[in-house]
Amino acid sequence: MDENQQVNAVKVVKARKIIFFQLASIPLLAAILCVFVRLVKQTPAVIIIETAAGTLIFIAAVNLILNILSIVSGKNLSFPIRTNFMLTHMLLPSSLLIGRALFSKDVLHKSFITYSNKVVSSKNAKFKGHEILVLLPRCIQNADCKNAVIKDILKCASCGKCDVAEINKLIAGTGIKAAVVTGGTQARALLTELHPKAVIAVACERELVSGIIDSNMVYVYGLLNVRPNGPCYNTRAYMPDLKSTIDSILSK
């Protein structure tokens, strides 16, 4: 096994929990559909609904298999990104429900974030700087800072107490936009306003999963924040991951 194959094998291991539970959710959904077929009177309208549901489950299964092959091979073998995530999100609630019997929600969320990142990365998409938006959580700003970086991160005083100044330096001259947001509502408003083609989001597990689901019309790369002081207080971005993600998607 060469180095690339080893790296891709590790990617599958990190995402295997959510992959397994998505696989498990397919027969569960199929079983629910079968029960529905037996219990409900078969009128033409019901038959059409059942056929459509069965077709969607089948396509979702094919999509999952193609995603796994894409992660393993590092090649773009899966459906277009919008179709892909519509089908992936269709399986997510049932896979999380099954998974909660064995693992915590945070563990499953981390697995889903890894899985989502690997699927998106397998597309090998490149973007111009102005097409990329970096979203940062409000808690990344030092709690004692009085500068209004939520409105404009260029107002950062570069005191070094948080990562905002370093992120400004990282994206300087690239055309990449970055914003500190207070939550999902403000993040969605920015997506509507700026229409980025790719989003790099730094946040906790819950916010990332919610953001990935809400933003399935664009490429979303989710990066877990670092919480040296606990959740939602003076969090940090893991700069090596942020830099490598930018380098991997920014067109030269």
Protein backbone atom coordinates (compact mmCIF):
# COMPACT_ATOMS: atom_id res chain seq x y z
CA MET A 1 0.00 0.00 0.00
CA ASP A 2 1.52 3.35 -1.07
CA GLU A 3 1.41 6.54 1.03
CA ASN A 4 -1.73 7.95 -0.65
CA GLN A 5 -3.61 4.69 -0.12
CA GLN A 6 -2.59 4.69 3.55
CA VAL A 7 -3.84 8.27 4.00
CA ASN A 8 -7.15 7.44 2.34
CA ALA A 9 -7.52 4.34 4.52
CA VAL A 10 -7.12 6.53 7.61
CA LYS A 11 -9.80 8.85 6.24
CA VAL A 12 -12.25 5.95 6.06
CA VAL A 13 -11.39 4.83 9.61
CA LYS A 14 -12.09 8.32 10.98
CA ALA A 15 -15.44 8.46 9.19
CA ARG A 16 -16.40 4.82 9.62
CA LYS A 17 -18.92 5.31 12.43
CA ILE A 18 -21.25 7.53 10.40
CA ILE A 19 -20.65 5.41 7.28
CA PHE A 20 -21.64 2.26 9.20
CA PHE A 21 -24.78 3.83 10.65
CA GLN A 22 -25.79 5.27 7.28
CA LEU A 23 -25.42 1.78 5.85
CA ALA A 24 -27.53 0.45 8.72
CA SER A 25 -30.19 3.11 8.17
CA ILE A 26 -30.84 1.96 4.59
CA PRO A 27 -32.45 -1.40 5.53
CA LEU A 28 -34.23 0.36 8.42
CA LEU A 29 -35.84 2.84 6.02
CA ALA A 30 -36.60 0.00 3.61
CA ALA A 31 -38.27 -1.95 6.42
CA ILE A 32 -40.38 1.06 7.41
CA LEU A 33 -41.44 1.41 3.78
CA CYS A 34 -42.40 -2.29 3.64
CA VAL A 35 -44.53 -1.94 6.78
CA PHE A 36 -46.17 1.12 5.27
CA VAL A 37 -46.96 -0.87 2.10
CA ARG A 38 -48.63 -3.61 4.14
CA LEU A 39 -50.66 -1.32 6.40
CA VAL A 40 -51.88 1.32 3.97
CA LYS A 41 -54.54 0.75 1.38
CA GLN A 42 -52.92 0.63 -2.06
CA THR A 43 -54.52 3.43 -4.02
CA PRO A 44 -52.78 4.82 -7.16
CA ALA A 45 -51.57 7.87 -5.19
CA VAL A 46 -50.11 5.70 -2.41
CA ILE A 47 -48.38 3.44 -4.93
CA ILE A 48 -46.75 6.48 -6.54
CA ILE A 49 -45.53 7.71 -3.13
CA GLU A 50 -44.19 4.26 -2.23
CA THR A 51 -42.39 3.93 -5.55
CA ALA A 52 -40.82 7.37 -5.17
CA ALA A 53 -39.72 6.60 -1.60
CA GLY A 54 -38.24 3.26 -2.60
CA THR A 55 -36.38 4.88 -5.49
CA LEU A 56 -34.96 7.57 -3.20
CA ILE A 57 -33.73 4.96 -0.70
CA PHE A 58 -32.05 3.03 -3.52
CA ILE A 59 -30.39 6.16 -4.94
CA ALA A 60 -29.25 7.17 -1.44
CA ALA A 61 -27.63 3.75 -1.04
CA VAL A 62 -25.85 4.12 -4.39
CA ASN A 63 -24.74 7.61 -3.40
CA LEU A 64 -23.29 6.32 -0.11
CA ILE A 65 -21.35 3.57 -1.91
CA LEU A 66 -19.99 6.07 -4.43
CA ASN A 67 -18.97 8.38 -1.58
CA ILE A 68 -17.06 5.57 0.13
CA LEU A 69 -15.29 4.75 -3.14
CA SER A 70 -14.47 8.44 -3.61
CA ILE A 71 -12.96 8.68 -0.11
CA VAL A 72 -10.89 5.51 -0.58
CA SER A 73 -9.63 6.39 -4.07
CA GLY A 74 -9.36 10.16 -3.64
CA LYS A 75 -11.16 10.50 -6.97
CA ASN A 76 -14.44 12.23 -7.79
CA LEU A 77 -16.75 9.26 -8.32
CA SER A 78 -19.89 10.55 -6.60
CA PHE A 79 -22.93 12.57 -7.58
CA PRO A 80 -22.74 16.39 -7.95
CA ILE A 81 -22.39 18.14 -4.60
CA ARG A 82 -26.01 19.36 -4.29
CA THR A 83 -27.53 15.99 -5.15
CA ASN A 84 -24.93 14.25 -3.01
CA PHE A 85 -25.72 16.11 0.17
CA MET A 86 -29.46 16.03 -0.34
CA LEU A 87 -29.20 12.22 -0.36
CA THR A 88 -26.66 12.15 2.49
CA HIS A 89 -28.83 14.36 4.70
CA MET A 90 -31.81 12.12 3.99
CA LEU A 91 -29.99 9.30 5.79
CA LEU A 92 -28.49 11.44 8.56
CA PRO A 93 -31.41 11.51 11.07
CA SER A 94 -31.91 7.74 11.00
CA SER A 95 -28.15 7.03 11.13
CA LEU A 96 -27.72 9.33 14.15
CA LEU A 97 -30.71 7.69 15.81
CA ILE A 98 -29.16 4.24 15.39
CA GLY A 99 -25.70 5.46 16.37
CA ARG A 100 -26.85 7.03 19.64
CA ALA A 101 -27.37 3.52 21.02
CA LEU A 102 -23.57 3.05 21.01
CA PHE A 103 -21.88 6.46 20.87
CA SER A 104 -22.32 9.99 22.16
CA LYS A 105 -23.73 12.68 19.90
CA ASP A 106 -20.34 14.47 19.79
CA VAL A 107 -18.58 11.31 18.58
CA LEU A 108 -21.16 10.82 15.82
CA HIS A 109 -21.01 14.50 14.87
CA LYS A 110 -17.21 14.34 14.57
CA SER A 111 -17.52 11.28 12.38
CA PHE A 112 -20.09 13.00 10.15
CA ILE A 113 -17.90 16.12 9.84
CA THR A 114 -14.94 13.97 8.81
CA TYR A 115 -17.10 12.06 6.34
CA SER A 116 -18.52 15.28 4.88
CA ASN A 117 -15.07 16.87 4.54
CA LYS A 118 -13.67 13.82 2.76
CA VAL A 119 -16.57 13.67 0.32
CA VAL A 120 -16.23 17.38 -0.47
CA SER A 121 -12.44 17.11 -0.75
CA SER A 122 -12.76 14.19 -3.19
CA LYS A 123 -14.31 16.65 -5.66
CA ASN A 124 -10.86 18.29 -5.92
CA ALA A 125 -12.59 21.63 -6.53
CA LYS A 126 -10.58 24.85 -6.80
CA PHE A 127 -11.90 28.34 -6.13
CA LYS A 128 -10.76 31.91 -6.62
CA GLY A 129 -10.14 33.88 -3.45
CA HIS A 130 -13.31 35.97 -3.69
CA GLU A 131 -15.36 32.77 -3.97
CA ILE A 132 -14.22 31.53 -0.54
CA LEU A 133 -15.69 32.58 2.80
CA VAL A 134 -14.16 31.72 6.19
CA LEU A 135 -16.73 31.69 8.98
CA LEU A 136 -15.50 32.05 12.55
CA PRO A 137 -17.47 31.73 15.80
CA ARG A 138 -18.03 34.70 18.11
CA CYS A 139 -16.15 32.89 20.88
CA ILE A 140 -12.90 32.95 18.91
CA GLN A 141 -12.48 36.61 19.85
CA ASN A 142 -10.86 37.17 23.22
CA ALA A 143 -13.57 37.80 25.82
CA ASP A 144 -11.85 40.99 27.02
CA CYS A 145 -11.54 42.52 23.54
CA LYS A 146 -13.65 45.64 22.91
CA ASN A 147 -13.14 45.83 19.14
CA ALA A 148 -16.21 45.14 16.99
CA VAL A 149 -14.67 42.39 14.87
CA ILE A 150 -18.09 40.80 14.34
CA LYS A 151 -18.82 43.53 11.82
CA ASP A 152 -15.30 43.75 10.42
CA ILE A 153 -12.38 41.50 11.41
CA LEU A 154 -9.98 44.08 9.98
CA LYS A 155 -10.74 46.09 13.12
CA CYS A 156 -8.70 43.53 15.06
CA ALA A 157 -6.03 45.24 17.19
CA SER A 158 -3.55 42.39 16.54
CA CYS A 159 -2.84 42.00 20.25
CA GLY A 160 -2.20 38.27 19.83
CA LYS A 161 -4.67 37.17 22.51
CA CYS A 162 -6.80 35.34 19.92
CA ASP A 163 -6.39 33.96 16.40
CA VAL A 164 -8.18 36.72 14.49
CA ALA A 165 -4.98 38.63 13.67
CA GLU A 166 -3.24 35.47 12.47
CA ILE A 167 -6.23 34.60 10.28
CA ASN A 168 -6.13 38.11 8.81
CA LYS A 169 -2.47 37.57 7.92
CA LEU A 170 -3.22 34.15 6.46
CA ILE A 171 -5.83 35.44 4.00
CA ALA A 172 -4.18 38.79 3.24
CA GLY A 173 -3.80 39.31 -0.50
CA THR A 174 -5.80 36.20 -1.42
CA GLY A 175 -9.20 37.85 -1.88
CA ILE A 176 -10.70 35.43 0.66
CA LYS A 177 -13.37 36.94 2.89
CA ALA A 178 -13.56 36.09 6.59
CA ALA A 179 -16.23 36.95 9.12
CA VAL A 180 -16.95 36.41 12.80
CA VAL A 181 -20.60 35.41 13.25
CA THR A 182 -22.76 35.12 16.33
CA GLY A 183 -24.64 32.02 15.19
CA GLY A 184 -26.39 30.15 12.42
CA THR A 185 -28.83 32.95 11.56
CA GLN A 186 -26.06 35.45 10.87
CA ALA A 187 -24.05 32.82 8.99
CA ARG A 188 -27.00 32.06 6.69
CA ALA A 189 -27.53 35.79 6.12
CA LEU A 190 -23.89 36.14 5.04
CA LEU A 191 -24.23 33.22 2.63
CA THR A 192 -27.26 34.90 1.08
CA GLU A 193 -25.47 38.22 0.87
CA LEU A 194 -22.06 37.09 -0.42
CA HIS A 195 -22.98 33.94 -2.42
CA PRO A 196 -19.66 32.14 -1.83
CA LYS A 197 -18.94 28.94 -3.71
CA ALA A 198 -16.93 27.49 -0.82
CA VAL A 199 -17.15 27.95 2.94
CA ILE A 200 -14.52 27.06 5.51
CA ALA A 201 -16.30 27.00 8.86
CA VAL A 202 -14.59 26.88 12.25
CA ALA A 203 -16.95 25.87 15.07
CA CYS A 204 -17.92 23.17 17.56
CA GLU A 205 -19.42 19.83 16.53
CA ARG A 206 -23.08 20.84 16.87
CA GLU A 207 -22.69 24.11 14.96
CA LEU A 208 -20.69 22.48 12.18
CA VAL A 209 -23.20 19.70 11.59
CA SER A 210 -26.04 22.22 11.58
CA GLY A 211 -24.11 24.50 9.22
CA ILE A 212 -23.20 21.70 6.81
CA ILE A 213 -26.84 20.65 6.59
CA ASP A 214 -28.08 24.23 6.15
CA SER A 215 -25.46 25.12 3.52
CA ASN A 216 -25.70 22.14 1.22
CA MET A 217 -25.77 24.34 -1.88
CA VAL A 218 -22.06 25.17 -1.52
CA TYR A 219 -18.85 23.32 -0.71
CA VAL A 220 -18.47 23.36 3.09
CA TYR A 221 -15.25 22.39 4.84
CA GLY A 222 -15.82 22.00 8.58
CA LEU A 223 -12.94 22.53 11.03
CA LEU A 224 -13.42 21.83 14.72
CA ASN A 225 -12.35 24.65 17.00
CA VAL A 226 -9.94 24.21 19.91
CA ARG A 227 -11.42 24.78 23.38
CA PRO A 228 -8.62 25.27 25.93
CA ASN A 229 -11.04 27.08 28.28
CA GLY A 230 -14.08 24.93 27.67
CA PRO A 231 -16.91 25.49 25.19
CA CYS A 232 -17.91 28.92 23.88
CA TYR A 233 -15.15 30.86 25.68
CA ASN A 234 -11.87 32.07 24.16
CA THR A 235 -11.80 29.24 21.63
CA ARG A 236 -9.08 28.92 19.03
CA ALA A 237 -8.75 27.85 15.42
CA TYR A 238 -6.28 25.06 14.65
CA MET A 239 -4.21 27.10 12.23
CA PRO A 240 -2.39 24.22 10.44
CA ASP A 241 -5.76 22.74 9.41
CA LEU A 242 -7.10 26.12 8.31
CA LYS A 243 -3.98 26.85 6.26
CA SER A 244 -3.92 23.41 4.62
CA THR A 245 -7.62 23.65 3.74
CA ILE A 246 -7.12 27.06 2.14
CA ASP A 247 -4.06 25.82 0.24
CA SER A 248 -5.96 22.79 -1.03
CA ILE A 249 -8.91 24.72 -2.51
CA LEU A 250 -7.45 28.10 -3.51
CA SER A 251 -6.73 28.24 -7.23
CA LYS A 252 -3.25 29.47 -8.02
